[in-house]
């Protein structure tokens, strides 16, 4: 599985653009980060990508996991973030009483 590798020096806006592009192309998005600064940049990128995608009718969410990896022969713990895609349903589909308000069903 391929990962977008995010470092503490990565630009969140650039990573967000990559995430949004992959989502639009139907490519699975998985991110890998090592260290607190890198994880911070990765999560900011996911938040920014949500802002890019929601107006297009697509939302995303993410789930983090730990992974033991080797970097230059040294064992490290990485955070891997799986990004999930959700298609938004047009508001009219849930407007049961035609008042223009979406009905929430739990």
Protein backbone atom coordinates (compact mmCIF):
# COMPACT_ATOMS: atom_id res chain seq x y z
CA UNK A 1 0.00 0.00 0.00
CA UNK A 2 1.31 3.44 -0.89
CA UNK A 3 1.34 6.26 1.65
CA UNK A 4 1.50 10.02 1.38
CA UNK A 5 4.48 10.67 3.62
CA UNK A 6 4.08 13.86 5.63
CA UNK A 7 6.89 15.46 7.62
CA UNK A 8 6.91 18.32 10.10
CA UNK A 9 8.14 20.55 7.25
CA UNK A 10 5.34 19.56 4.84
CA UNK A 11 2.98 22.33 3.75
CA UNK A 12 -0.54 21.41 4.94
CA UNK A 13 -2.09 23.24 1.98
CA UNK A 14 0.03 21.26 -0.50
CA UNK A 15 -0.75 17.96 1.20
CA UNK A 16 -4.46 18.94 1.26
CA UNK A 17 -4.34 19.53 -2.49
CA UNK A 18 -2.83 16.08 -2.97
CA UNK A 19 -5.51 14.50 -0.76
CA UNK A 20 -8.34 16.30 -2.59
CA UNK A 21 -6.90 15.33 -5.98
CA UNK A 22 -6.60 11.68 -5.00
CA UNK A 23 -10.16 11.64 -3.64
CA UNK A 24 -11.51 13.21 -6.85
CA UNK A 25 -9.56 10.63 -8.90
CA UNK A 26 -10.93 7.76 -6.79
CA UNK A 27 -7.50 6.81 -5.46
CA UNK A 28 -7.38 5.49 -1.86
CA UNK A 29 -5.69 7.97 0.47
CA UNK A 30 -3.40 6.76 3.25
CA UNK A 31 -1.00 9.08 5.08
CA UNK A 32 2.08 8.19 7.12
CA UNK A 33 3.76 10.48 9.63
CA UNK A 34 6.53 10.03 12.18
CA UNK A 35 6.67 12.47 15.09
CA UNK A 36 4.29 14.94 16.66
CA UNK A 37 5.06 17.77 14.23
CA UNK A 38 4.45 15.53 11.22
CA UNK A 39 1.16 14.23 12.63
CA UNK A 40 0.10 17.83 13.29
CA UNK A 41 0.76 18.80 9.67
CA UNK A 42 -1.07 15.70 8.40
CA UNK A 43 -4.21 16.41 10.46
CA UNK A 44 -4.21 20.05 9.37
CA UNK A 45 -4.01 18.83 5.77
CA UNK A 46 -7.04 16.57 6.25
CA UNK A 47 -9.01 19.49 7.71
CA UNK A 48 -8.04 21.75 4.80
CA UNK A 49 -8.89 19.03 2.27
CA UNK A 50 -12.37 18.73 3.83
CA UNK A 51 -12.85 22.42 3.11
CA UNK A 52 -11.84 21.87 -0.52
CA UNK A 53 -14.12 18.85 -0.99
CA UNK A 54 -17.36 19.66 0.86
CA UNK A 55 -18.51 22.26 -1.72
CA UNK A 56 -18.17 19.52 -4.37
CA UNK A 57 -20.56 17.20 -2.51
CA UNK A 58 -17.84 15.02 -0.98
CA UNK A 59 -16.84 14.79 2.67
CA UNK A 60 -13.93 12.90 4.21
CA UNK A 61 -13.12 11.49 7.61
CA UNK A 62 -10.03 9.76 8.92
CA UNK A 63 -8.89 7.03 11.28
CA UNK A 64 -5.40 6.81 12.79
CA UNK A 65 -3.43 3.65 13.57
CA UNK A 66 0.06 2.91 14.88
CA UNK A 67 2.64 1.13 12.72
CA UNK A 68 6.17 -0.02 13.51
CA UNK A 69 8.44 0.92 10.62
CA UNK A 70 12.18 0.93 9.89
CA UNK A 71 13.95 4.13 8.87
CA UNK A 72 17.66 3.72 8.07
CA UNK A 73 17.75 0.44 10.02
CA UNK A 74 16.14 2.06 13.07
CA UNK A 75 12.73 0.99 14.39
CA UNK A 76 10.25 3.88 14.70
CA UNK A 77 6.56 4.21 15.46
CA UNK A 78 4.54 5.91 12.74
CA UNK A 79 0.98 7.15 12.71
CA UNK A 80 -0.90 6.00 9.63
CA UNK A 81 -4.09 7.84 8.77
CA UNK A 82 -6.70 6.21 6.54
CA UNK A 83 -8.96 8.71 4.77
CA UNK A 84 -12.56 7.67 4.12
CA UNK A 85 -14.77 9.27 1.46
CA UNK A 86 -18.45 10.10 2.03
CA UNK A 87 -20.75 11.29 -0.75
CA UNK A 88 -23.10 13.96 0.51
CA UNK A 89 -26.80 13.50 -0.19
CA UNK A 90 -28.54 16.54 -1.70
CA UNK A 91 -30.66 18.33 0.89
CA UNK A 92 -33.92 17.90 -1.07
CA UNK A 93 -33.67 14.12 -0.72
CA UNK A 94 -34.42 14.40 3.02
CA UNK A 95 -36.90 17.27 2.87
CA UNK A 96 -40.00 15.30 3.86
CA UNK A 97 -42.33 18.24 4.41
CA UNK A 98 -41.04 20.51 1.60
CA UNK A 99 -40.08 23.36 3.93
CA UNK A 100 -36.50 23.49 2.64
CA UNK A 101 -35.09 22.20 5.92
CA UNK A 102 -33.25 18.91 6.04
CA UNK A 103 -34.82 16.40 8.40
CA UNK A 104 -32.26 14.73 10.63
CA UNK A 105 -32.85 11.06 11.36
CA UNK A 106 -30.90 9.33 14.11
